[in-house]
Amino acid sequence: MSQLIVACTCQQNKVLERKNKTIFNKVQTMLISENISLFL
């Protein structure tokens, strides 16, 4: 089996970080609205 390796650029990393942060914030907001604490 061959494996495809894709090099990420700094710009792509920043986009992924922003998406991850957005998803995390949405999840955190939902948990807070349900009175569930999120400890990290």
N, C-alpha and C. Protein backbone atom coordinates (compact mmCIF):
# COMPACT_ATOMS: atom_id res chain seq x y z
N MET A 1 0.84 -1.19 0.00
CA MET A 1 0.00 0.00 0.00
C MET A 1 0.88 1.25 0.00
N SER A 2 0.54 2.18 -0.83
CA SER A 2 1.29 3.42 -0.85
C SER A 2 0.63 4.45 0.06
N GLN A 3 1.44 5.30 0.60
CA GLN A 3 0.93 6.33 1.52
C GLN A 3 1.20 7.70 0.93
N LEU A 4 0.16 8.52 0.92
CA LEU A 4 0.30 9.87 0.38
C LEU A 4 0.66 10.82 1.50
N ILE A 5 1.75 11.52 1.34
CA ILE A 5 2.18 12.48 2.35
C ILE A 5 2.03 13.88 1.75
N VAL A 6 1.24 14.70 2.42
CA VAL A 6 0.99 16.05 1.95
C VAL A 6 1.67 17.03 2.89
N ALA A 7 2.50 17.88 2.33
CA ALA A 7 3.17 18.89 3.13
C ALA A 7 2.22 20.05 3.38
N CYS A 8 2.09 20.43 4.64
CA CYS A 8 1.21 21.54 4.99
C CYS A 8 2.00 22.84 5.03
N THR A 9 1.42 23.87 4.50
CA THR A 9 2.05 25.17 4.56
C THR A 9 1.61 25.88 5.85
N CYS A 10 2.28 26.92 6.20
CA CYS A 10 1.92 27.70 7.38
C CYS A 10 0.49 28.23 7.27
N GLN A 11 0.13 28.65 6.08
CA GLN A 11 -1.22 29.18 5.87
C GLN A 11 -2.27 28.11 6.12
N GLN A 12 -2.02 26.89 5.63
CA GLN A 12 -2.96 25.79 5.85
C GLN A 12 -3.06 25.47 7.34
N ASN A 13 -1.93 25.50 8.04
CA ASN A 13 -1.94 25.24 9.48
C ASN A 13 -2.77 26.27 10.22
N LYS A 14 -2.66 27.53 9.83
CA LYS A 14 -3.44 28.59 10.48
C LYS A 14 -4.92 28.40 10.22
N VAL A 15 -5.28 27.97 9.02
CA VAL A 15 -6.69 27.73 8.69
C VAL A 15 -7.21 26.58 9.54
N LEU A 16 -6.44 25.51 9.65
CA LEU A 16 -6.85 24.36 10.46
C LEU A 16 -6.98 24.74 11.93
N GLU A 17 -6.04 25.53 12.43
CA GLU A 17 -6.11 25.98 13.83
C GLU A 17 -7.36 26.80 14.07
N ARG A 18 -7.69 27.67 13.12
CA ARG A 18 -8.88 28.51 13.25
C ARG A 18 -10.14 27.65 13.24
N LYS A 19 -10.19 26.66 12.35
CA LYS A 19 -11.35 25.77 12.29
C LYS A 19 -11.49 24.98 13.59
N ASN A 20 -10.37 24.46 14.09
CA ASN A 20 -10.41 23.69 15.34
C ASN A 20 -10.88 24.56 16.49
N LYS A 21 -10.41 25.80 16.53
CA LYS A 21 -10.81 26.71 17.61
C LYS A 21 -12.30 27.02 17.51
N THR A 22 -12.78 27.20 16.30
CA THR A 22 -14.20 27.48 16.09
C THR A 22 -15.05 26.29 16.55
N ILE A 23 -14.64 25.09 16.17
CA ILE A 23 -15.37 23.89 16.58
C ILE A 23 -15.34 23.76 18.10
N PHE A 24 -14.17 23.96 18.69
CA PHE A 24 -14.05 23.86 20.15
C PHE A 24 -14.97 24.87 20.84
N ASN A 25 -15.00 26.09 20.33
CA ASN A 25 -15.85 27.13 20.93
C ASN A 25 -17.33 26.77 20.82
N LYS A 26 -17.73 26.19 19.71
CA LYS A 26 -19.13 25.77 19.55
C LYS A 26 -19.47 24.67 20.54
N VAL A 27 -18.58 23.69 20.67
CA VAL A 27 -18.82 22.58 21.61
C VAL A 27 -18.88 23.12 23.03
N GLN A 28 -17.95 23.99 23.37
CA GLN A 28 -17.91 24.55 24.71
C GLN A 28 -19.20 25.33 25.01
N THR A 29 -19.68 26.09 24.06
CA THR A 29 -20.91 26.85 24.23
C THR A 29 -22.10 25.92 24.45
N MET A 30 -22.16 24.83 23.67
CA MET A 30 -23.24 23.87 23.84
C MET A 30 -23.18 23.23 25.22
N LEU A 31 -21.99 22.87 25.67
CA LEU A 31 -21.84 22.25 26.98
C LEU A 31 -22.25 23.21 28.09
N ILE A 32 -21.84 24.46 27.96
CA ILE A 32 -22.20 25.46 28.97
C ILE A 32 -23.71 25.65 28.99
N SER A 33 -24.32 25.67 27.84
CA SER A 33 -25.77 25.86 27.78
C SER A 33 -26.51 24.67 28.41
N GLU A 34 -25.85 23.53 28.46
CA GLU A 34 -26.45 22.34 29.08
C GLU A 34 -25.98 22.19 30.53
N ASN A 35 -25.32 23.21 31.06
CA ASN A 35 -24.80 23.19 32.43
C ASN A 35 -23.79 22.07 32.65
N ILE A 36 -22.94 21.84 31.69
CA ILE A 36 -21.88 20.84 31.82
C ILE A 36 -20.55 21.59 31.74
N SER A 37 -19.72 21.37 32.73
CA SER A 37 -18.42 22.04 32.75
C SER A 37 -17.44 21.29 31.86
N LEU A 38 -16.56 22.04 31.22
CA LEU A 38 -15.52 21.46 30.39
C LEU A 38 -14.18 21.83 30.99
N PHE A 39 -13.45 20.84 31.44
CA PHE A 39 -12.14 21.09 32.06
C PHE A 39 -11.06 20.56 31.15
N LEU A 40 -10.16 21.45 30.73
CA LEU A 40 -9.04 21.04 29.90
C LEU A 40 -7.76 21.48 30.56
